[in-house]
mmCIF file of all heavy atoms, coordinates in Angstrom:
data_MODEL
# 
_entry.id   MODEL 
# 
loop_
_atom_site.group_PDB 
_atom_site.id 
_atom_site.type_symbol 
_atom_site.label_atom_id 
_atom_site.label_alt_id 
_atom_site.label_comp_id 
_atom_site.label_asym_id 
_atom_site.label_entity_id 
_atom_site.label_seq_id 
_atom_site.pdbx_PDB_ins_code 
_atom_site.Cartn_x 
_atom_site.Cartn_y 
_atom_site.Cartn_z 
_atom_site.occupancy 
_atom_site.B_iso_or_equiv 
_atom_site.pdbx_formal_charge 
_atom_site.auth_seq_id 
_atom_site.auth_comp_id 
_atom_site.auth_asym_id 
_atom_site.auth_atom_id 
_atom_site.pdbx_PDB_model_num 
ATOM 1   N N   . ALA A 1 1  ? 133.287 97.136  105.453 1.00 0.00 ? 1  ALA A N   1 
ATOM 2   C CA  . ALA A 1 1  ? 133.950 97.803  104.328 1.00 0.00 ? 1  ALA A CA  1 
ATOM 3   C C   . ALA A 1 1  ? 133.268 97.469  103.008 1.00 0.00 ? 1  ALA A C   1 
ATOM 4   O O   . ALA A 1 1  ? 133.079 98.347  102.149 1.00 0.00 ? 1  ALA A O   1 
ATOM 5   C CB  . ALA A 1 1  ? 135.420 97.398  104.285 1.00 0.00 ? 1  ALA A CB  1 
ATOM 6   N N   . MET A 1 2  ? 132.892 96.210  102.831 1.00 0.00 ? 2  MET A N   1 
ATOM 7   C CA  . MET A 1 2  ? 132.193 95.811  101.598 1.00 0.00 ? 2  MET A CA  1 
ATOM 8   C C   . MET A 1 2  ? 130.883 96.578  101.449 1.00 0.00 ? 2  MET A C   1 
ATOM 9   O O   . MET A 1 2  ? 130.580 97.124  100.386 1.00 0.00 ? 2  MET A O   1 
ATOM 10  C CB  . MET A 1 2  ? 131.906 94.303  101.642 1.00 0.00 ? 2  MET A CB  1 
ATOM 11  C CG  . MET A 1 2  ? 133.125 93.410  101.619 1.00 0.00 ? 2  MET A CG  1 
ATOM 12  S SD  . MET A 1 2  ? 133.744 93.041  99.966  1.00 0.00 ? 2  MET A SD  1 
ATOM 13  C CE  . MET A 1 2  ? 132.507 91.877  99.381  1.00 0.00 ? 2  MET A CE  1 
ATOM 14  N N   . ALA A 1 3  ? 130.114 96.624  102.534 1.00 0.00 ? 3  ALA A N   1 
ATOM 15  C CA  . ALA A 1 3  ? 128.815 97.299  102.475 1.00 0.00 ? 3  ALA A CA  1 
ATOM 16  C C   . ALA A 1 3  ? 128.977 98.796  102.241 1.00 0.00 ? 3  ALA A C   1 
ATOM 17  O O   . ALA A 1 3  ? 128.213 99.406  101.484 1.00 0.00 ? 3  ALA A O   1 
ATOM 18  C CB  . ALA A 1 3  ? 128.043 97.036  103.767 1.00 0.00 ? 3  ALA A CB  1 
ATOM 19  N N   . GLN A 1 4  ? 129.964 99.406  102.886 1.00 0.00 ? 4  GLN A N   1 
ATOM 20  C CA  . GLN A 1 4  ? 130.178 100.832 102.685 1.00 0.00 ? 4  GLN A CA  1 
ATOM 21  C C   . GLN A 1 4  ? 130.659 101.140 101.275 1.00 0.00 ? 4  GLN A C   1 
ATOM 22  O O   . GLN A 1 4  ? 130.273 102.172 100.692 1.00 0.00 ? 4  GLN A O   1 
ATOM 23  C CB  . GLN A 1 4  ? 131.177 101.350 103.720 1.00 0.00 ? 4  GLN A CB  1 
ATOM 24  C CG  . GLN A 1 4  ? 130.620 101.388 105.132 1.00 0.00 ? 4  GLN A CG  1 
ATOM 25  C CD  . GLN A 1 4  ? 131.624 101.902 106.141 1.00 0.00 ? 4  GLN A CD  1 
ATOM 26  O OE1 . GLN A 1 4  ? 132.815 102.013 105.847 1.00 0.00 ? 4  GLN A OE1 1 
ATOM 27  N NE2 . GLN A 1 4  ? 131.154 102.218 107.332 1.00 0.00 ? 4  GLN A NE2 1 
ATOM 28  N N   . GLY A 1 5  ? 131.484 100.277 100.716 1.00 0.00 ? 5  GLY A N   1 
ATOM 29  C CA  . GLY A 1 5  ? 131.898 100.461 99.327  1.00 0.00 ? 5  GLY A CA  1 
ATOM 30  C C   . GLY A 1 5  ? 130.708 100.477 98.390  1.00 0.00 ? 5  GLY A C   1 
ATOM 31  O O   . GLY A 1 5  ? 130.652 101.270 97.443  1.00 0.00 ? 5  GLY A O   1 
ATOM 32  N N   . ALA A 1 6  ? 129.725 99.618  98.673  1.00 0.00 ? 6  ALA A N   1 
ATOM 33  C CA  . ALA A 1 6  ? 128.522 99.569  97.843  1.00 0.00 ? 6  ALA A CA  1 
ATOM 34  C C   . ALA A 1 6  ? 127.704 100.847 97.984  1.00 0.00 ? 6  ALA A C   1 
ATOM 35  O O   . ALA A 1 6  ? 127.226 101.409 96.989  1.00 0.00 ? 6  ALA A O   1 
ATOM 36  C CB  . ALA A 1 6  ? 127.676 98.358  98.229  1.00 0.00 ? 6  ALA A CB  1 
ATOM 37  N N   . THR A 1 7  ? 127.525 101.332 99.225  1.00 0.00 ? 7  THR A N   1 
ATOM 38  C CA  . THR A 1 7  ? 126.760 102.570 99.433  1.00 0.00 ? 7  THR A CA  1 
ATOM 39  C C   . THR A 1 7  ? 127.441 103.751 98.754  1.00 0.00 ? 7  THR A C   1 
ATOM 40  O O   . THR A 1 7  ? 126.786 104.572 98.099  1.00 0.00 ? 7  THR A O   1 
ATOM 41  C CB  . THR A 1 7  ? 126.599 102.854 100.934 1.00 0.00 ? 7  THR A CB  1 
ATOM 42  O OG1 . THR A 1 7  ? 125.835 101.799 101.533 1.00 0.00 ? 7  THR A OG1 1 
ATOM 43  C CG2 . THR A 1 7  ? 125.884 104.179 101.165 1.00 0.00 ? 7  THR A CG2 1 
ATOM 44  N N   . ALA A 1 8  ? 128.763 103.858 98.916  1.00 0.00 ? 8  ALA A N   1 
ATOM 45  C CA  . ALA A 1 8  ? 129.496 104.957 98.284  1.00 0.00 ? 8  ALA A CA  1 
ATOM 46  C C   . ALA A 1 8  ? 129.325 104.912 96.772  1.00 0.00 ? 8  ALA A C   1 
ATOM 47  O O   . ALA A 1 8  ? 129.120 105.950 96.114  1.00 0.00 ? 8  ALA A O   1 
ATOM 48  C CB  . ALA A 1 8  ? 130.971 104.891 98.659  1.00 0.00 ? 8  ALA A CB  1 
ATOM 49  N N   . ALA A 1 9  ? 129.396 103.731 96.186  1.00 0.00 ? 9  ALA A N   1 
ATOM 50  C CA  . ALA A 1 9  ? 129.249 103.596 94.733  1.00 0.00 ? 9  ALA A CA  1 
ATOM 51  C C   . ALA A 1 9  ? 127.881 104.089 94.282  1.00 0.00 ? 9  ALA A C   1 
ATOM 52  O O   . ALA A 1 9  ? 127.763 104.830 93.294  1.00 0.00 ? 9  ALA A O   1 
ATOM 53  C CB  . ALA A 1 9  ? 129.459 102.144 94.319  1.00 0.00 ? 9  ALA A CB  1 
ATOM 54  N N   . ARG A 1 10 ? 126.838 103.694 94.981  1.00 0.00 ? 10 ARG A N   1 
ATOM 55  C CA  . ARG A 1 10 ? 125.480 104.106 94.594  1.00 0.00 ? 10 ARG A CA  1 
ATOM 56  C C   . ARG A 1 10 ? 125.314 105.620 94.730  1.00 0.00 ? 10 ARG A C   1 
ATOM 57  O O   . ARG A 1 10 ? 124.656 106.259 93.900  1.00 0.00 ? 10 ARG A O   1 
ATOM 58  C CB  . ARG A 1 10 ? 124.453 103.359 95.439  1.00 0.00 ? 10 ARG A CB  1 
ATOM 59  C CG  . ARG A 1 10 ? 124.435 101.853 95.163  1.00 0.00 ? 10 ARG A CG  1 
ATOM 60  C CD  . ARG A 1 10 ? 123.314 101.131 95.872  1.00 0.00 ? 10 ARG A CD  1 
ATOM 61  N NE  . ARG A 1 10 ? 123.336 99.719  95.520  1.00 0.00 ? 10 ARG A NE  1 
ATOM 62  C CZ  . ARG A 1 10 ? 123.802 98.752  96.317  1.00 0.00 ? 10 ARG A CZ  1 
ATOM 63  N NH1 . ARG A 1 10 ? 124.267 99.062  97.527  1.00 0.00 ? 10 ARG A NH1 1 
ATOM 64  N NH2 . ARG A 1 10 ? 123.814 97.497  95.915  1.00 0.00 ? 10 ARG A NH2 1 
ATOM 65  N N   . ASN A 1 11 ? 125.924 106.200 95.758  1.00 0.00 ? 11 ASN A N   1 
ATOM 66  C CA  . ASN A 1 11 ? 125.810 107.641 95.929  1.00 0.00 ? 11 ASN A CA  1 
ATOM 67  C C   . ASN A 1 11 ? 126.632 108.403 94.897  1.00 0.00 ? 11 ASN A C   1 
ATOM 68  O O   . ASN A 1 11 ? 126.287 109.527 94.517  1.00 0.00 ? 11 ASN A O   1 
ATOM 69  C CB  . ASN A 1 11 ? 126.194 108.038 97.352  1.00 0.00 ? 11 ASN A CB  1 
ATOM 70  C CG  . ASN A 1 11 ? 125.085 107.695 98.337  1.00 0.00 ? 11 ASN A CG  1 
ATOM 71  O OD1 . ASN A 1 11 ? 123.912 107.655 97.969  1.00 0.00 ? 11 ASN A OD1 1 
ATOM 72  N ND2 . ASN A 1 11 ? 125.451 107.422 99.576  1.00 0.00 ? 11 ASN A ND2 1 
ATOM 73  N N   . MET A 1 12 ? 127.717 107.808 94.424  1.00 0.00 ? 12 MET A N   1 
ATOM 74  C CA  . MET A 1 12 ? 128.448 108.415 93.312  1.00 0.00 ? 12 MET A CA  1 
ATOM 75  C C   . MET A 1 12 ? 127.571 108.515 92.065  1.00 0.00 ? 12 MET A C   1 
ATOM 76  O O   . MET A 1 12 ? 127.742 109.411 91.236  1.00 0.00 ? 12 MET A O   1 
ATOM 77  C CB  . MET A 1 12 ? 129.697 107.591 92.990  1.00 0.00 ? 12 MET A CB  1 
ATOM 78  C CG  . MET A 1 12 ? 130.826 107.740 93.984  1.00 0.00 ? 12 MET A CG  1 
ATOM 79  S SD  . MET A 1 12 ? 132.214 106.666 93.513  1.00 0.00 ? 12 MET A SD  1 
ATOM 80  C CE  . MET A 1 12 ? 133.430 107.148 94.735  1.00 0.00 ? 12 MET A CE  1 
ATOM 81  N N   . LEU A 1 13 ? 126.629 107.581 91.970  1.00 0.00 ? 13 LEU A N   1 
ATOM 82  C CA  . LEU A 1 13 ? 125.734 107.559 90.813  1.00 0.00 ? 13 LEU A CA  1 
ATOM 83  C C   . LEU A 1 13 ? 124.462 108.364 91.061  1.00 0.00 ? 13 LEU A C   1 
ATOM 84  O O   . LEU A 1 13 ? 123.530 108.323 90.237  1.00 0.00 ? 13 LEU A O   1 
ATOM 85  C CB  . LEU A 1 13 ? 125.383 106.112 90.457  1.00 0.00 ? 13 LEU A CB  1 
ATOM 86  C CG  . LEU A 1 13 ? 126.566 105.213 90.092  1.00 0.00 ? 13 LEU A CG  1 
ATOM 87  C CD1 . LEU A 1 13 ? 126.090 103.816 89.743  1.00 0.00 ? 13 LEU A CD1 1 
ATOM 88  C CD2 . LEU A 1 13 ? 127.357 105.814 88.947  1.00 0.00 ? 13 LEU A CD2 1 
ATOM 89  N N   . GLY A 1 14 ? 124.396 109.078 92.199  1.00 0.00 ? 14 GLY A N   1 
ATOM 90  C CA  . GLY A 1 14 ? 123.273 109.963 92.452  1.00 0.00 ? 14 GLY A CA  1 
ATOM 91  C C   . GLY A 1 14 ? 122.158 109.406 93.291  1.00 0.00 ? 14 GLY A C   1 
ATOM 92  O O   . GLY A 1 14 ? 121.092 110.028 93.397  1.00 0.00 ? 14 GLY A O   1 
ATOM 93  N N   . ALA A 1 15 ? 122.352 108.254 93.927  1.00 0.00 ? 15 ALA A N   1 
ATOM 94  C CA  . ALA A 1 15 ? 121.277 107.658 94.729  1.00 0.00 ? 15 ALA A CA  1 
ATOM 95  C C   . ALA A 1 15 ? 120.910 108.526 95.929  1.00 0.00 ? 15 ALA A C   1 
ATOM 96  O O   . ALA A 1 15 ? 119.754 108.573 96.340  1.00 0.00 ? 15 ALA A O   1 
ATOM 97  C CB  . ALA A 1 15 ? 121.682 106.266 95.201  1.00 0.00 ? 15 ALA A CB  1 
ATOM 98  N N   . ASP A 1 16 ? 121.895 109.181 96.528  1.00 0.00 ? 16 ASP A N   1 
ATOM 99  C CA  . ASP A 1 16 ? 121.679 110.059 97.680  1.00 0.00 ? 16 ASP A CA  1 
ATOM 100 C C   . ASP A 1 16 ? 120.961 109.325 98.809  1.00 0.00 ? 16 ASP A C   1 
ATOM 101 O O   . ASP A 1 16 ? 119.942 109.776 99.328  1.00 0.00 ? 16 ASP A O   1 
ATOM 102 C CB  . ASP A 1 16 ? 120.894 111.301 97.264  1.00 0.00 ? 16 ASP A CB  1 
ATOM 103 C CG  . ASP A 1 16 ? 120.928 112.385 98.344  1.00 0.00 ? 16 ASP A CG  1 
ATOM 104 O OD1 . ASP A 1 16 ? 121.951 112.503 99.033  1.00 0.00 ? 16 ASP A OD1 1 
ATOM 105 O OD2 . ASP A 1 16 ? 119.903 113.090 98.504  1.00 0.00 ? 16 ASP A OD2 1 
ATOM 106 N N   . VAL A 1 17 ? 121.528 108.171 99.216  1.00 0.00 ? 17 VAL A N   1 
ATOM 107 C CA  . VAL A 1 17 ? 120.930 107.367 100.285 1.00 0.00 ? 17 VAL A CA  1 
ATOM 108 C C   . VAL A 1 17 ? 121.894 107.273 101.458 1.00 0.00 ? 17 VAL A C   1 
ATOM 109 O O   . VAL A 1 17 ? 123.113 107.219 101.290 1.00 0.00 ? 17 VAL A O   1 
ATOM 110 C CB  . VAL A 1 17 ? 120.574 105.949 99.796  1.00 0.00 ? 17 VAL A CB  1 
ATOM 111 C CG1 . VAL A 1 17 ? 119.484 106.004 98.747  1.00 0.00 ? 17 VAL A CG1 1 
ATOM 112 C CG2 . VAL A 1 17 ? 121.804 105.233 99.225  1.00 0.00 ? 17 VAL A CG2 1 
ATOM 113 N N   . ALA A 1 18 ? 121.331 107.269 102.668 1.00 0.00 ? 18 ALA A N   1 
ATOM 114 C CA  . ALA A 1 18 ? 122.146 107.091 103.863 1.00 0.00 ? 18 ALA A CA  1 
ATOM 115 C C   . ALA A 1 18 ? 122.610 105.645 103.955 1.00 0.00 ? 18 ALA A C   1 
ATOM 116 O O   . ALA A 1 18 ? 121.925 104.722 103.501 1.00 0.00 ? 18 ALA A O   1 
ATOM 117 C CB  . ALA A 1 18 ? 121.346 107.462 105.109 1.00 0.00 ? 18 ALA A CB  1 
ATOM 118 N N   . HIS A 1 19 ? 123.789 105.450 104.545 1.00 0.00 ? 19 HIS A N   1 
ATOM 119 C CA  . HIS A 1 19 ? 124.275 104.087 104.772 1.00 0.00 ? 19 HIS A CA  1 
ATOM 120 C C   . HIS A 1 19 ? 123.531 103.528 105.986 1.00 0.00 ? 19 HIS A C   1 
ATOM 121 O O   . HIS A 1 19 ? 123.821 103.890 107.131 1.00 0.00 ? 19 HIS A O   1 
ATOM 122 C CB  . HIS A 1 19 ? 125.781 104.095 105.021 1.00 0.00 ? 19 HIS A CB  1 
ATOM 123 C CG  . HIS A 1 19 ? 126.352 102.721 105.190 1.00 0.00 ? 19 HIS A CG  1 
ATOM 124 N ND1 . HIS A 1 19 ? 126.410 101.808 104.165 1.00 0.00 ? 19 HIS A ND1 1 
ATOM 125 C CD2 . HIS A 1 19 ? 126.870 102.090 106.284 1.00 0.00 ? 19 HIS A CD2 1 
ATOM 126 C CE1 . HIS A 1 19 ? 126.947 100.684 104.591 1.00 0.00 ? 19 HIS A CE1 1 
ATOM 127 N NE2 . HIS A 1 19 ? 127.233 100.826 105.868 1.00 0.00 ? 19 HIS A NE2 1 
ATOM 128 N N   . ASP A 1 20 ? 122.559 102.656 105.733 1.00 0.00 ? 20 ASP A N   1 
ATOM 129 C CA  . ASP A 1 20 ? 121.696 102.160 106.801 1.00 0.00 ? 20 ASP A CA  1 
ATOM 130 C C   . ASP A 1 20 ? 121.827 100.657 107.010 1.00 0.00 ? 20 ASP A C   1 
ATOM 131 O O   . ASP A 1 20 ? 120.934 100.013 107.567 1.00 0.00 ? 20 ASP A O   1 
ATOM 132 C CB  . ASP A 1 20 ? 120.239 102.512 106.515 1.00 0.00 ? 20 ASP A CB  1 
ATOM 133 C CG  . ASP A 1 20 ? 119.723 101.913 105.205 1.00 0.00 ? 20 ASP A CG  1 
ATOM 134 O OD1 . ASP A 1 20 ? 120.513 101.259 104.484 1.00 0.00 ? 20 ASP A OD1 1 
ATOM 135 O OD2 . ASP A 1 20 ? 118.535 102.099 104.898 1.00 0.00 ? 20 ASP A OD2 1 
ATOM 136 N N   . VAL A 1 21 ? 122.942 100.093 106.575 1.00 0.00 ? 21 VAL A N   1 
ATOM 137 C CA  . VAL A 1 21 ? 123.172 98.653  106.735 1.00 0.00 ? 21 VAL A CA  1 
ATOM 138 C C   . VAL A 1 21 ? 123.602 98.374  108.173 1.00 0.00 ? 21 VAL A C   1 
ATOM 139 O O   . VAL A 1 21 ? 124.541 98.987  108.675 1.00 0.00 ? 21 VAL A O   1 
ATOM 140 C CB  . VAL A 1 21 ? 124.259 98.153  105.762 1.00 0.00 ? 21 VAL A CB  1 
ATOM 141 C CG1 . VAL A 1 21 ? 124.511 96.659  105.961 1.00 0.00 ? 21 VAL A CG1 1 
ATOM 142 C CG2 . VAL A 1 21 ? 123.859 98.449  104.323 1.00 0.00 ? 21 VAL A CG2 1 
ATOM 143 N N   . VAL A 1 22 ? 122.905 97.467  108.844 1.00 0.00 ? 22 VAL A N   1 
ATOM 144 C CA  . VAL A 1 22 ? 123.313 97.055  110.186 1.00 0.00 ? 22 VAL A CA  1 
ATOM 145 C C   . VAL A 1 22 ? 124.597 96.247  110.057 1.00 0.00 ? 22 VAL A C   1 
ATOM 146 O O   . VAL A 1 22 ? 124.619 95.223  109.368 1.00 0.00 ? 22 VAL A O   1 
ATOM 147 C CB  . VAL A 1 22 ? 122.219 96.215  110.871 1.00 0.00 ? 22 VAL A CB  1 
ATOM 148 C CG1 . VAL A 1 22 ? 122.703 95.720  112.228 1.00 0.00 ? 22 VAL A CG1 1 
ATOM 149 C CG2 . VAL A 1 22 ? 120.935 97.030  111.026 1.00 0.00 ? 22 VAL A CG2 1 
ATOM 150 N N   . PRO A 1 23 ? 125.682 96.685  110.690 1.00 0.00 ? 23 PRO A N   1 
ATOM 151 C CA  . PRO A 1 23 ? 126.967 95.988  110.519 1.00 0.00 ? 23 PRO A CA  1 
ATOM 152 C C   . PRO A 1 23 ? 126.920 94.521  110.937 1.00 0.00 ? 23 PRO A C   1 
ATOM 153 O O   . PRO A 1 23 ? 126.304 94.166  111.950 1.00 0.00 ? 23 PRO A O   1 
ATOM 154 C CB  . PRO A 1 23 ? 127.911 96.786  111.426 1.00 0.00 ? 23 PRO A CB  1 
ATOM 155 C CG  . PRO A 1 23 ? 127.320 98.152  111.467 1.00 0.00 ? 23 PRO A CG  1 
ATOM 156 C CD  . PRO A 1 23 ? 125.832 97.928  111.478 1.00 0.00 ? 23 PRO A CD  1 
ATOM 157 N N   . TYR A 1 24 ? 127.573 93.704  110.133 1.00 0.00 ? 24 TYR A N   1 
ATOM 158 C CA  . TYR A 1 24 ? 127.660 92.257  110.371 1.00 0.00 ? 24 TYR A CA  1 
ATOM 159 C C   . TYR A 1 24 ? 129.119 91.875  110.523 1.00 0.00 ? 24 TYR A C   1 
ATOM 160 O O   . TYR A 1 24 ? 129.983 92.369  109.792 1.00 0.00 ? 24 TYR A O   1 
ATOM 161 C CB  . TYR A 1 24 ? 127.040 91.506  109.195 1.00 0.00 ? 24 TYR A CB  1 
ATOM 162 C CG  . TYR A 1 24 ? 127.303 90.019  109.184 1.00 0.00 ? 24 TYR A CG  1 
ATOM 163 C CD1 . TYR A 1 24 ? 126.525 89.146  109.931 1.00 0.00 ? 24 TYR A CD1 1 
ATOM 164 C CD2 . TYR A 1 24 ? 128.333 89.485  108.414 1.00 0.00 ? 24 TYR A CD2 1 
ATOM 165 C CE1 . TYR A 1 24 ? 126.760 87.778  109.924 1.00 0.00 ? 24 TYR A CE1 1 
ATOM 166 C CE2 . TYR A 1 24 ? 128.580 88.119  108.389 1.00 0.00 ? 24 TYR A CE2 1 
ATOM 167 C CZ  . TYR A 1 24 ? 127.787 87.267  109.147 1.00 0.00 ? 24 TYR A CZ  1 
ATOM 168 O OH  . TYR A 1 24 ? 128.044 85.914  109.134 1.00 0.00 ? 24 TYR A OH  1 
ATOM 169 N N   . PHE A 1 25 ? 129.397 91.010  111.472 1.00 0.00 ? 25 PHE A N   1 
ATOM 170 C CA  . PHE A 1 25 ? 130.753 90.550  111.725 1.00 0.00 ? 25 PHE A CA  1 
ATOM 171 C C   . PHE A 1 25 ? 130.739 89.022  111.777 1.00 0.00 ? 25 PHE A C   1 
ATOM 172 O O   . PHE A 1 25 ? 129.746 88.422  112.188 1.00 0.00 ? 25 PHE A O   1 
ATOM 173 C CB  . PHE A 1 25 ? 131.270 91.065  113.081 1.00 0.00 ? 25 PHE A CB  1 
ATOM 174 C CG  . PHE A 1 25 ? 131.127 92.537  113.287 1.00 0.00 ? 25 PHE A CG  1 
ATOM 175 C CD1 . PHE A 1 25 ? 129.914 93.089  113.658 1.00 0.00 ? 25 PHE A CD1 1 
ATOM 176 C CD2 . PHE A 1 25 ? 132.209 93.385  113.119 1.00 0.00 ? 25 PHE A CD2 1 
ATOM 177 C CE1 . PHE A 1 25 ? 129.778 94.456  113.857 1.00 0.00 ? 25 PHE A CE1 1 
ATOM 178 C CE2 . PHE A 1 25 ? 132.082 94.753  113.322 1.00 0.00 ? 25 PHE A CE2 1 
ATOM 179 C CZ  . PHE A 1 25 ? 130.864 95.285  113.686 1.00 0.00 ? 25 PHE A CZ  1 
ATOM 180 N N   . PHE A 1 26 ? 131.826 88.409  111.377 1.00 0.00 ? 26 PHE A N   1 
ATOM 181 C CA  . PHE A 1 26 ? 131.927 86.967  111.544 1.00 0.00 ? 26 PHE A CA  1 
ATOM 182 C C   . PHE A 1 26 ? 133.347 86.588  111.927 1.00 0.00 ? 26 PHE A C   1 
ATOM 183 O O   . PHE A 1 26 ? 134.313 87.305  111.655 1.00 0.00 ? 26 PHE A O   1 
ATOM 184 C CB  . PHE A 1 26 ? 131.514 86.223  110.269 1.00 0.00 ? 26 PHE A CB  1 
ATOM 185 C CG  . PHE A 1 26 ? 132.570 86.260  109.194 1.00 0.00 ? 26 PHE A CG  1 
ATOM 186 C CD1 . PHE A 1 26 ? 133.504 85.239  109.078 1.00 0.00 ? 26 PHE A CD1 1 
ATOM 187 C CD2 . PHE A 1 26 ? 132.630 87.312  108.298 1.00 0.00 ? 26 PHE A CD2 1 
ATOM 188 C CE1 . PHE A 1 26 ? 134.492 85.276  108.101 1.00 0.00 ? 26 PHE A CE1 1 
ATOM 189 C CE2 . PHE A 1 26 ? 133.612 87.353  107.324 1.00 0.00 ? 26 PHE A CE2 1 
ATOM 190 C CZ  . PHE A 1 26 ? 134.538 86.334  107.217 1.00 0.00 ? 26 PHE A CZ  1 
# 
């Protein structure tokens, strides 16, 4: 969720990048 929030924020600003973060769990 943290990583996706970051990707969504950048795309709101026009980055137009795919969410390519390999999910991490702990």
